[in-house]
Structure formats: C-alpha cells, structure tokens
Amino acid sequence: MFAVIETGGKQYLVKKGDKIKIEKLNAEVDSEVSFDKVLLTSEEDGKNTKIGTPYLVGTQVVAKVLENSRSKKIRVIKYKRKVRYKRANGHRQHYTKVLIENIK
C-alpha cells in the first residue's frame, strides 16, 4: 500500500519502510509523528484507490523520526559583468529524516 501525503508545503509518495527527508519538524529523535494530510491511498496494483477532497478523513500515516539535521551548503552567486559586481552567499536547509512505519 502507498499514500500521498502533504507536509511542509510539498507532496510525497510514500510506502511502508521508506526513508524520506522532509521540511524540519519540531519532534525529537526516535519519537513518532503522524501525518493527517493524506491526499491519496492505493494498493500496489492500483486497486482500492481512495482519493481525498482534498484530504482523506480518518486516514493517517505514522512515521518515526530518525534524525534532525542540515543539508549540504548551496552557494548562491550574483554576478554582473563590466561593473565589478559580485556577491556570494551560502545556505543550509534544515530537514527531518523519517521512516514510514504504517499507513492506517
């Protein structure tokens, strides 16, 4: 069984046993979180598909928090030729890595 969940303004296709990186959650490591914003659930063969309007009522995805960390640094560079203008910035996005345990 797989599901499409919404968290952090993004949608993720998940199934049991998946490890995904999502926007940072305020949750401790080894704690359980549940996602109530489930857009779709279906079996692997495409049968028994349920589509929410916009969310499915009474359906949730339970996950375990594996780590809270920061991703690699992204370099943002602005450059204008002939006017000696150059700026460089760096950014590291916070994320939470979760393990999908169950789809109810």
PDB file of N, CA and C in Angstrom:
ATOM      1  N   MET A   1       0.847  -1.176   0.000  1.00  0.00           N
ATOM      2  CA  MET A   1       0.000   0.000   0.000  1.00  0.00           C
ATOM      3  C   MET A   1       0.892   1.238   0.000  1.00  0.00           C
ATOM      4  N   PHE A   2       0.486   2.256  -0.742  1.00  0.00           N
ATOM      5  CA  PHE A   2       1.211   3.512  -0.735  1.00  0.00           C
ATOM      6  C   PHE A   2       0.234   4.659  -0.538  1.00  0.00           C
ATOM      7  N   ALA A   3       0.783   5.836  -0.199  1.00  0.00           N
ATOM      8  CA  ALA A   3      -0.038   7.008   0.058  1.00  0.00           C
ATOM      9  C   ALA A   3       0.696   8.248  -0.419  1.00  0.00           C
ATOM     10  N   VAL A   4      -0.069   9.293  -0.674  1.00  0.00           N
ATOM     11  CA  VAL A   4       0.491  10.603  -0.988  1.00  0.00           C
ATOM     12  C   VAL A   4       0.142  11.509   0.184  1.00  0.00           C
ATOM     13  N   ILE A   5       1.179  12.042   0.843  1.00  0.00           N
ATOM     14  CA  ILE A   5       0.961  12.919   1.996  1.00  0.00           C
ATOM     15  C   ILE A   5       1.446  14.320   1.656  1.00  0.00           C
ATOM     16  N   GLU A   6       0.947  15.287   2.421  1.00  0.00           N
ATOM     17  CA  GLU A   6       1.368  16.669   2.256  1.00  0.00           C
ATOM     18  C   GLU A   6       1.955  17.148   3.582  1.00  0.00           C
ATOM     19  N   THR A   7       3.180  17.668   3.518  1.00  0.00           N
ATOM     20  CA  THR A   7       3.817  18.246   4.693  1.00  0.00           C
ATOM     21  C   THR A   7       4.840  19.275   4.237  1.00  0.00           C
ATOM     22  N   GLY A   8       4.911  20.368   4.942  1.00  0.00           N
ATOM     23  CA  GLY A   8       5.872  21.408   4.597  1.00  0.00           C
ATOM     24  C   GLY A   8       5.610  22.053   3.252  1.00  0.00           C
ATOM     25  N   GLY A   9       4.355  22.034   2.784  1.00  0.00           N
ATOM     26  CA  GLY A   9       4.018  22.634   1.509  1.00  0.00           C
ATOM     27  C   GLY A   9       4.387  21.779   0.308  1.00  0.00           C
ATOM     28  N   LYS A  10       4.804  20.542   0.541  1.00  0.00           N
ATOM     29  CA  LYS A  10       5.192  19.642  -0.540  1.00  0.00           C
ATOM     30  C   LYS A  10       4.415  18.327  -0.412  1.00  0.00           C
ATOM     31  N   GLN A  11       4.354  17.574  -1.497  1.00  0.00           N
ATOM     32  CA  GLN A  11       3.673  16.290  -1.501  1.00  0.00           C
ATOM     33  C   GLN A  11       4.693  15.175  -1.699  1.00  0.00           C
ATOM     34  N   TYR A  12       4.511  14.073  -0.972  1.00  0.00           N
ATOM     35  CA  TYR A  12       5.436  12.949  -1.018  1.00  0.00           C
ATOM     36  C   TYR A  12       4.664  11.658  -1.244  1.00  0.00           C
ATOM     37  N   LEU A  13       5.183  10.815  -2.145  1.00  0.00           N
ATOM     38  CA  LEU A  13       4.635   9.479  -2.372  1.00  0.00           C
ATOM     39  C   LEU A  13       5.407   8.530  -1.464  1.00  0.00           C
ATOM     40  N   VAL A  14       4.705   7.913  -0.494  1.00  0.00           N
ATOM     41  CA  VAL A  14       5.383   7.087   0.499  1.00  0.00           C
ATOM     42  C   VAL A  14       4.733   5.710   0.584  1.00  0.00           C
ATOM     43  N   LYS A  15       5.522   4.746   1.023  1.00  0.00           N
ATOM     44  CA  LYS A  15       5.003   3.424   1.353  1.00  0.00           C
ATOM     45  C   LYS A  15       5.755   2.935   2.582  1.00  0.00           C
ATOM     46  N   LYS A  16       5.292   1.860   3.173  1.00  0.00           N
ATOM     47  CA  LYS A  16       5.865   1.353   4.405  1.00  0.00           C
ATOM     48  C   LYS A  16       7.338   0.991   4.196  1.00  0.00           C
ATOM     49  N   GLY A  17       8.200   1.470   5.104  1.00  0.00           N
ATOM     50  CA  GLY A  17       9.626   1.190   5.027  1.00  0.00           C
ATOM     51  C   GLY A  17      10.442   2.268   4.330  1.00  0.00           C
ATOM     52  N   ASP A  18       9.801   3.270   3.735  1.00  0.00           N
ATOM     53  CA  ASP A  18      10.528   4.348   3.056  1.00  0.00           C
ATOM     54  C   ASP A  18      11.181   5.287   4.064  1.00  0.00           C
ATOM     55  N   LYS A  19      12.361   5.795   3.702  1.00  0.00           N
ATOM     56  CA  LYS A  19      13.033   6.846   4.466  1.00  0.00           C
ATOM     57  C   LYS A  19      13.022   8.094   3.602  1.00  0.00           C
ATOM     58  N   ILE A  20      12.417   9.166   4.114  1.00  0.00           N
ATOM     59  CA  ILE A  20      12.325  10.391   3.329  1.00  0.00           C
ATOM     60  C   ILE A  20      12.825  11.576   4.137  1.00  0.00           C
ATOM     61  N   LYS A  21      13.326  12.591   3.433  1.00  0.00           N
ATOM     62  CA  LYS A  21      13.739  13.851   4.035  1.00  0.00           C
ATOM     63  C   LYS A  21      12.635  14.863   3.781  1.00  0.00           C
ATOM     64  N   ILE A  22      12.132  15.461   4.866  1.00  0.00           N
ATOM     65  CA  ILE A  22      11.052  16.445   4.748  1.00  0.00           C
ATOM     66  C   ILE A  22      11.479  17.726   5.439  1.00  0.00           C
ATOM     67  N   GLU A  23      10.661  18.767   5.312  1.00  0.00           N
ATOM     68  CA  GLU A  23      10.926  20.022   5.999  1.00  0.00           C
ATOM     69  C   GLU A  23      11.008  19.765   7.499  1.00  0.00           C
ATOM     70  N   LYS A  24      11.790  20.578   8.192  1.00  0.00           N
ATOM     71  CA  LYS A  24      12.055  20.354   9.610  1.00  0.00           C
ATOM     72  C   LYS A  24      10.764  20.332  10.430  1.00  0.00           C
ATOM     73  N   LEU A  25      10.652  19.310  11.280  1.00  0.00           N
ATOM     74  CA  LEU A  25       9.538  19.173  12.215  1.00  0.00           C
ATOM     75  C   LEU A  25      10.051  19.421  13.631  1.00  0.00           C
ATOM     76  N   ASN A  26       9.199  19.917  14.490  1.00  0.00           N
ATOM     77  CA  ASN A  26       9.556  20.077  15.896  1.00  0.00           C
ATOM     78  C   ASN A  26       9.265  18.776  16.633  1.00  0.00           C
ATOM     79  N   ALA A  27      10.103  17.782  16.400  1.00  0.00           N
ATOM     80  CA  ALA A  27       9.937  16.466  17.017  1.00  0.00           C
ATOM     81  C   ALA A  27      11.305  15.930  17.397  1.00  0.00           C
ATOM     82  N   GLU A  28      11.343  15.220  18.499  1.00  0.00           N
ATOM     83  CA  GLU A  28      12.591  14.635  18.975  1.00  0.00           C
ATOM     84  C   GLU A  28      12.928  13.375  18.177  1.00  0.00           C
ATOM     85  N   VAL A  29      14.208  13.021  18.174  1.00  0.00           N
ATOM     86  CA  VAL A  29      14.659  11.794  17.517  1.00  0.00           C
ATOM     87  C   VAL A  29      14.058  10.596  18.244  1.00  0.00           C
ATOM     88  N   ASP A  30      13.677   9.568  17.519  1.00  0.00           N
ATOM     89  CA  ASP A  30      13.032   8.339  17.997  1.00  0.00           C
ATOM     90  C   ASP A  30      11.596   8.540  18.466  1.00  0.00           C
ATOM     91  N   SER A  31      11.004   9.693  18.178  1.00  0.00           N
ATOM     92  CA  SER A  31       9.595   9.880  18.510  1.00  0.00           C
ATOM     93  C   SER A  31       8.748   9.577  17.276  1.00  0.00           C
ATOM     94  N   GLU A  32       7.452   9.365  17.495  1.00  0.00           N
ATOM     95  CA  GLU A  32       6.536   9.081  16.402  1.00  0.00           C
ATOM     96  C   GLU A  32       5.793  10.343  16.010  1.00  0.00           C
ATOM     97  N   VAL A  33       5.608  10.517  14.715  1.00  0.00           N
ATOM     98  CA  VAL A  33       4.789  11.602  14.193  1.00  0.00           C
ATOM     99  C   VAL A  33       3.750  10.994  13.268  1.00  0.00           C
ATOM    100  N   SER A  34       2.601  11.642  13.185  1.00  0.00           N
ATOM    101  CA  SER A  34       1.570  11.156  12.272  1.00  0.00           C
ATOM    102  C   SER A  34       1.182  12.287  11.331  1.00  0.00           C
ATOM    103  N   PHE A  35       0.999  11.946  10.077  1.00  0.00           N
ATOM    104  CA  PHE A  35       0.616  12.900   9.052  1.00  0.00           C
ATOM    105  C   PHE A  35      -0.854  12.684   8.741  1.00  0.00           C
ATOM    106  N   ASP A  36      -1.675  13.698   9.015  1.00  0.00           N
ATOM    107  CA  ASP A  36      -3.114  13.598   8.802  1.00  0.00           C
ATOM    108  C   ASP A  36      -3.530  14.088   7.416  1.00  0.00           C
ATOM    109  N   LYS A  37      -2.681  14.854   6.767  1.00  0.00           N
ATOM    110  CA  LYS A  37      -2.998  15.387   5.444  1.00  0.00           C
ATOM    111  C   LYS A  37      -2.633  14.348   4.376  1.00  0.00           C
ATOM    112  N   VAL A  38      -3.485  13.337   4.257  1.00  0.00           N
ATOM    113  CA  VAL A  38      -3.290  12.261   3.273  1.00  0.00           C
ATOM    114  C   VAL A  38      -4.176  12.563   2.077  1.00  0.00           C
ATOM    115  N   LEU A  39      -3.571  12.678   0.904  1.00  0.00           N
ATOM    116  CA  LEU A  39      -4.309  13.028  -0.310  1.00  0.00           C
ATOM    117  C   LEU A  39      -4.849  11.808  -1.044  1.00  0.00           C
ATOM    118  N   LEU A  40      -4.113  10.675  -0.965  1.00  0.00           N
ATOM    119  CA  LEU A  40      -4.485   9.503  -1.747  1.00  0.00           C
ATOM    120  C   LEU A  40      -3.906   8.260  -1.092  1.00  0.00           C
ATOM    121  N   THR A  41      -4.633   7.161  -1.138  1.00  0.00           N
ATOM    122  CA  THR A  41      -4.097   5.853  -0.749  1.00  0.00           C
ATOM    123  C   THR A  41      -4.486   4.853  -1.827  1.00  0.00           C
ATOM    124  N   SER A  42      -3.629   3.846  -2.017  1.00  0.00           N
ATOM    125  CA  SER A  42      -3.901   2.841  -3.032  1.00  0.00           C
ATOM    126  C   SER A  42      -3.084   1.597  -2.738  1.00  0.00           C
ATOM    127  N   GLU A  43      -3.536   0.475  -3.284  1.00  0.00           N
ATOM    128  CA  GLU A  43      -2.762  -0.758  -3.225  1.00  0.00           C
ATOM    129  C   GLU A  43      -1.682  -0.700  -4.301  1.00  0.00           C
ATOM    130  N   GLU A  44      -0.714  -1.611  -4.229  1.00  0.00           N
ATOM    131  CA  GLU A  44       0.392  -1.620  -5.191  1.00  0.00           C
ATOM    132  C   GLU A  44      -0.078  -1.872  -6.626  1.00  0.00           C
ATOM    133  N   ASP A  45      -1.132  -2.667  -6.799  1.00  0.00           N
ATOM    134  CA  ASP A  45      -1.603  -2.984  -8.145  1.00  0.00           C
ATOM    135  C   ASP A  45      -2.594  -1.954  -8.683  1.00  0.00           C
ATOM    136  N   GLY A  46      -2.855  -0.880  -7.921  1.00  0.00           N
ATOM    137  CA  GLY A  46      -3.756   0.170  -8.374  1.00  0.00           C
ATOM    138  C   GLY A  46      -5.204  -0.033  -7.990  1.00  0.00           C
ATOM    139  N   LYS A  47      -5.501  -1.132  -7.319  1.00  0.00           N
ATOM    140  CA  LYS A  47      -6.870  -1.386  -6.887  1.00  0.00           C
ATOM    141  C   LYS A  47      -7.105  -0.733  -5.531  1.00  0.00           C
ATOM    142  N   ASN A  48      -8.366  -0.558  -5.182  1.00  0.00           N
ATOM    143  CA  ASN A  48      -8.779   0.008  -3.905  1.00  0.00           C
ATOM    144  C   ASN A  48      -8.172   1.398  -3.702  1.00  0.00           C
ATOM    145  N   THR A  49      -8.255   2.241  -4.716  1.00  0.00           N
ATOM    146  CA  THR A  49      -7.720   3.599  -4.656  1.00  0.00           C
ATOM    147  C   THR A  49      -8.744   4.531  -4.032  1.00  0.00           C
ATOM    148  N   LYS A  50      -8.285   5.338  -3.070  1.00  0.00           N
ATOM    149  CA  LYS A  50      -9.138   6.332  -2.422  1.00  0.00           C
ATOM    150  C   LYS A  50      -8.498   7.695  -2.624  1.00  0.00           C
ATOM    151  N   ILE A  51      -9.283   8.638  -3.133  1.00  0.00           N
ATOM    152  CA  ILE A  51      -8.794   9.988  -3.394  1.00  0.00           C
ATOM    153  C   ILE A  51      -9.572  10.947  -2.513  1.00  0.00           C
ATOM    154  N   GLY A  52      -8.855  11.811  -1.800  1.00  0.00           N
ATOM    155  CA  GLY A  52      -9.479  12.763  -0.898  1.00  0.00           C
ATOM    156  C   GLY A  52      -9.908  14.032  -1.613  1.00  0.00           C
ATOM    157  N   THR A  53     -10.798  14.777  -0.939  1.00  0.00           N
ATOM    158  CA  THR A  53     -11.267  16.059  -1.478  1.00  0.00           C
ATOM    159  C   THR A  53     -11.140  17.143  -0.429  1.00  0.00           C
ATOM    160  N   PRO A  54     -10.063  17.752  -0.132  1.00  0.00           N
ATOM    161  CA  PRO A  54      -8.714  17.479  -0.615  1.00  0.00           C
ATOM    162  C   PRO A  54      -8.007  16.386   0.188  1.00  0.00           C
ATOM    163  N   TYR A  55      -8.462  16.103   1.428  1.00  0.00           N
ATOM    164  CA  TYR A  55      -7.779  15.104   2.259  1.00  0.00           C
ATOM    165  C   TYR A  55      -8.726  13.968   2.599  1.00  0.00           C
ATOM    166  N   LEU A  56      -8.159  12.797   2.867  1.00  0.00           N
ATOM    167  CA  LEU A  56      -8.949  11.651   3.304  1.00  0.00           C
ATOM    168  C   LEU A  56      -9.229  11.774   4.798  1.00  0.00           C
ATOM    169  N   VAL A  57     -10.471  11.574   5.172  1.00  0.00           N
ATOM    170  CA  VAL A  57     -10.865  11.675   6.583  1.00  0.00           C
ATOM    171  C   VAL A  57     -10.622  10.332   7.256  1.00  0.00           C
ATOM    172  N   GLY A  58      -9.978  10.342   8.423  1.00  0.00           N
ATOM    173  CA  GLY A  58      -9.749   9.122   9.180  1.00  0.00           C
ATOM    174  C   GLY A  58      -8.547   8.317   8.723  1.00  0.00           C
ATOM    175  N   THR A  59      -7.758   8.853   7.816  1.00  0.00           N
ATOM    176  CA  THR A  59      -6.566   8.157   7.333  1.00  0.00           C
ATOM    177  C   THR A  59      -5.338   8.921   7.791  1.00  0.00           C
ATOM    178  N   GLN A  60      -4.340   8.187   8.251  1.00  0.00           N
ATOM    179  CA  GLN A  60      -3.104   8.837   8.671  1.00  0.00           C
ATOM    180  C   GLN A  60      -1.916   7.943   8.378  1.00  0.00           C
ATOM    181  N   VAL A  61      -0.753   8.574   8.256  1.00  0.00           N
ATOM    182  CA  VAL A  61       0.500   7.871   8.026  1.00  0.00           C
ATOM    183  C   VAL A  61       1.366   8.093   9.260  1.00  0.00           C
ATOM    184  N   VAL A  62       1.818   7.001   9.868  1.00  0.00           N
ATOM    185  CA  VAL A  62       2.637   7.069  11.085  1.00  0.00           C
ATOM    186  C   VAL A  62       4.093   6.874  10.697  1.00  0.00           C
ATOM    187  N   ALA A  63       4.963   7.750  11.236  1.00  0.00           N
ATOM    188  CA  ALA A  63       6.388   7.690  10.910  1.00  0.00           C
ATOM    189  C   ALA A  63       7.212   7.883  12.177  1.00  0.00           C
ATOM    190  N   LYS A  64       8.456   7.409  12.130  1.00  0.00           N
ATOM    191  CA  LYS A  64       9.395   7.548  13.239  1.00  0.00           C
ATOM    192  C   LYS A  64      10.502   8.500  12.807  1.00  0.00           C
ATOM    193  N   VAL A  65      10.839   9.453  13.672  1.00  0.00           N
ATOM    194  CA  VAL A  65      11.881  10.437  13.363  1.00  0.00           C
ATOM    195  C   VAL A  65      13.242   9.782  13.546  1.00  0.00           C
ATOM    196  N   LEU A  66      14.053   9.788  12.484  1.00  0.00           N
ATOM    197  CA  LEU A  66      15.387   9.209  12.545  1.00  0.00           C
ATOM    198  C   LEU A  66      16.446  10.244  12.892  1.00  0.00           C
ATOM    199  N   GLU A  67      16.354  11.444  12.300  1.00  0.00           N
ATOM    200  CA  GLU A  67      17.336  12.481  12.605  1.00  0.00           C
ATOM    201  C   GLU A  67      16.817  13.850  12.211  1.00  0.00           C
ATOM    202  N   ASN A  68      17.329  14.864  12.899  1.00  0.00           N
ATOM    203  CA  ASN A  68      17.136  16.263  12.536  1.00  0.00           C
ATOM    204  C   ASN A  68      18.502  16.798  12.166  1.00  0.00           C
ATOM    205  N   SER A  69      18.637  17.343  10.973  1.00  0.00           N
ATOM    206  CA  SER A  69      19.960  17.756  10.521  1.00  0.00           C
ATOM    207  C   SER A  69      19.842  18.896   9.523  1.00  0.00           C
ATOM    208  N   ARG A  70      20.969  19.195   8.874  1.00  0.00           N
ATOM    209  CA  ARG A  70      21.012  20.217   7.842  1.00  0.00           C
ATOM    210  C   ARG A  70      21.629  19.619   6.583  1.00  0.00           C
ATOM    211  N   SER A  71      21.150  20.057   5.437  1.00  0.00           N
ATOM    212  CA  SER A  71      21.643  19.519   4.172  1.00  0.00           C
ATOM    213  C   SER A  71      22.948  20.204   3.776  1.00  0.00           C
ATOM    214  N   LYS A  72      23.499  19.808   2.630  1.00  0.00           N
ATOM    215  CA  LYS A  72      24.732  20.395   2.134  1.00  0.00           C
ATOM    216  C   LYS A  72      24.533  21.874   1.830  1.00  0.00           C
ATOM    217  N   LYS A  73      25.630  22.608   1.860  1.00  0.00           N
ATOM    218  CA  LYS A  73      25.563  24.038   1.595  1.00  0.00           C
ATOM    219  C   LYS A  73      25.329  24.293   0.106  1.00  0.00           C
ATOM    220  N   ILE A  74      24.412  25.210  -0.152  1.00  0.00           N
ATOM    221  CA  ILE A  74      24.126  25.644  -1.510  1.00  0.00           C
ATOM    222  C   ILE A  74      24.720  27.036  -1.679  1.00  0.00           C
ATOM    223  N   ARG A  75      25.520  27.217  -2.697  1.00  0.00           N
ATOM    224  CA  ARG A  75      26.143  28.506  -2.973  1.00  0.00           C
ATOM    225  C   ARG A  75      25.255  29.304  -3.919  1.00  0.00           C
ATOM    226  N   VAL A  76      24.943  30.547  -3.531  1.00  0.00           N
ATOM    227  CA  VAL A  76      24.147  31.447  -4.353  1.00  0.00           C
ATOM    228  C   VAL A  76      25.062  32.590  -4.761  1.00  0.00           C
ATOM    229  N   ILE A  77      25.265  32.748  -6.065  1.00  0.00           N
ATOM    230  CA  ILE A  77      26.203  33.751  -6.559  1.00  0.00           C
ATOM    231  C   ILE A  77      25.475  34.714  -7.486  1.00  0.00           C
ATOM    232  N   LYS A  78      25.679  36.015  -7.237  1.00  0.00           N
ATOM    233  CA  LYS A  78      25.180  37.062  -8.137  1.00  0.00           C
ATOM    234  C   LYS A  78      26.397  37.693  -8.804  1.00  0.00           C
ATOM    235  N   TYR A  79      26.297  37.920 -10.094  1.00  0.00           N
ATOM    236  CA  TYR A  79      27.433  38.471 -10.814  1.00  0.00           C
ATOM    237  C   TYR A  79      26.928  39.335 -11.961  1.00  0.00           C
ATOM    238  N   LYS A  80      27.492  40.540 -12.096  1.00  0.00           N
ATOM    239  CA  LYS A  80      27.191  41.405 -13.232  1.00  0.00           C
ATOM    240  C   LYS A  80      28.509  41.800 -13.870  1.00  0.00           C
ATOM    241  N   ARG A  81      28.643  41.454 -15.126  1.00  0.00           N
ATOM    242  CA  ARG A  81      29.895  41.741 -15.805  1.00  0.00           C
ATOM    243  C   ARG A  81      30.027  43.233 -16.096  1.00  0.00           C
ATOM    244  N   LYS A  82      31.218  43.662 -16.249  1.00  0.00           N
ATOM    245  CA  LYS A  82      31.602  45.026 -16.636  1.00  0.00           C
ATOM    246  C   LYS A  82      31.371  46.075 -15.550  1.00  0.00           C
ATOM    247  N   VAL A  83      30.742  45.737 -14.431  1.00  0.00           N
ATOM    248  CA  VAL A  83      30.515  46.735 -13.383  1.00  0.00           C
ATOM    249  C   VAL A  83      31.146  46.326 -12.059  1.00  0.00           C
ATOM    250  N   ARG A  84      31.963  45.284 -12.092  1.00  0.00           N
ATOM    251  CA  ARG A  84      32.684  44.795 -10.918  1.00  0.00           C
ATOM    252  C   ARG A  84      31.753  44.473  -9.742  1.00  0.00           C
ATOM    253  N   TYR A  85      30.636  43.846 -10.040  1.00  0.00           N
ATOM    254  CA  TYR A  85      29.678  43.464  -9.000  1.00  0.00           C
ATOM    255  C   TYR A  85      29.674  41.952  -8.870  1.00  0.00           C
ATOM    256  N   LYS A  86      29.943  41.477  -7.648  1.00  0.00           N
ATOM    257  CA  LYS A  86      29.945  40.041  -7.390  1.00  0.00           C
ATOM    258  C   LYS A  86      29.570  39.817  -5.923  1.00  0.00           C
ATOM    259  N   ARG A  87      28.593  38.945  -5.677  1.00  0.00           N
ATOM    260  CA  ARG A  87      28.175  38.600  -4.320  1.00  0.00           C
ATOM    261  C   ARG A  87      28.023  37.088  -4.230  1.00  0.00           C
ATOM    262  N   ALA A  88      28.404  36.537  -3.098  1.00  0.00           N
ATOM    263  CA  ALA A  88      28.256  35.102  -2.879  1.00  0.00           C
ATOM    264  C   ALA A  88      27.661  34.872  -1.494  1.00  0.00           C
ATOM    265  N   ASN A  89      26.660  34.015  -1.442  1.00  0.00           N
ATOM    266  CA  ASN A  89      26.024  33.624  -0.190  1.00  0.00           C
ATOM    267  C   ASN A  89      25.945  32.116  -0.127  1.00  0.00           C
ATOM    268  N   GLY A  90      25.811  31.592   1.081  1.00  0.00           N
ATOM    269  CA  GLY A  90      25.618  30.171   1.275  1.00  0.00           C
ATOM    270  C   GLY A  90      24.371  29.934   2.105  1.00  0.00           C
ATOM    271  N   HIS A  91      23.777  28.746   1.934  1.00  0.00           N
ATOM    272  CA  HIS A  91      22.557  28.411   2.678  1.00  0.00           C
ATOM    273  C   HIS A  91      22.520  26.918   2.939  1.00  0.00           C
ATOM    274  N   ARG A  92      22.176  26.546   4.170  1.00  0.00           N
ATOM    275  CA  ARG A  92      21.991  25.130   4.535  1.00  0.00           C
ATOM    276  C   ARG A  92      20.580  24.966   5.072  1.00  0.00           C
ATOM    277  N   GLN A  93      19.789  24.142   4.398  1.00  0.00           N
ATOM    278  CA  GLN A  93      18.393  23.937   4.763  1.00  0.00           C
ATOM    279  C   GLN A  93      18.279  22.882   5.865  1.00  0.00           C
ATOM    280  N   HIS A  94      17.461  23.154   6.873  1.00  0.00           N
ATOM    281  CA  HIS A  94      17.178  22.172   7.925  1.00  0.00           C
ATOM    282  C   HIS A  94      16.198  21.136   7.392  1.00  0.00           C
ATOM    283  N   TYR A  95      16.364  19.880   7.800  1.00  0.00           N
ATOM    284  CA  TYR A  95      15.438  18.830   7.388  1.00  0.00           C
ATOM    285  C   TYR A  95      15.283  17.805   8.503  1.00  0.00           C
ATOM    286  N   THR A  96      14.240  17.003   8.388  1.00  0.00           N
ATOM    287  CA  THR A  96      13.980  15.899   9.291  1.00  0.00           C
ATOM    288  C   THR A  96      13.888  14.634   8.442  1.00  0.00           C
ATOM    289  N   LYS A  97      14.636  13.601   8.836  1.00  0.00           N
ATOM    290  CA  LYS A  97      14.588  12.319   8.130  1.00  0.00           C
ATOM    291  C   LYS A  97      13.665  11.395   8.909  1.00  0.00           C
ATOM    292  N   VAL A  98      12.650  10.839   8.225  1.00  0.00           N
ATOM    293  CA  VAL A  98      11.670   9.987   8.895  1.00  0.00           C
ATOM    294  C   VAL A  98      11.586   8.622   8.198  1.00  0.00           C
ATOM    295  N   LEU A  99      11.196   7.617   8.962  1.00  0.00           N
ATOM    296  CA  LEU A  99      10.961   6.272   8.466  1.00  0.00           C
ATOM    297  C   LEU A  99       9.452   6.015   8.539  1.00  0.00           C
ATOM    298  N   ILE A 100       8.841   5.689   7.398  1.00  0.00           N
ATOM    299  CA  ILE A 100       7.407   5.422   7.352  1.00  0.00           C
ATOM    300  C   ILE A 100       7.149   4.041   7.948  1.00  0.00           C
ATOM    301  N   GLU A 101       6.345   4.004   9.015  1.00  0.00           N
ATOM    302  CA  GLU A 101       6.094   2.739   9.710  1.00  0.00           C
ATOM    303  C   GLU A 101       4.762   2.108   9.329  1.00  0.00           C
ATOM    304  N   ASN A 102       3.731   2.941   9.141  1.00  0.00           N
ATOM    305  CA  ASN A 102       2.403   2.358   8.936  1.00  0.00           C
ATOM    306  C   ASN A 102       1.508   3.350   8.199  1.00  0.00           C
ATOM    307  N   ILE A 103       0.603   2.830   7.393  1.00  0.00           N
ATOM    308  CA  ILE A 103      -0.432   3.633   6.742  1.00  0.00           C
ATOM    309  C   ILE A 103      -1.772   3.100   7.218  1.00  0.00           C
ATOM    310  N   LYS A 104      -2.494   3.920   7.965  1.00  0.00           N
ATOM    311  CA  LYS A 104      -3.775   3.481   8.554  1.00  0.00           C
ATOM    312  C   LYS A 104      -4.934   4.113   7.798  1.00  0.00           C
TER     313      LYS A 104
END
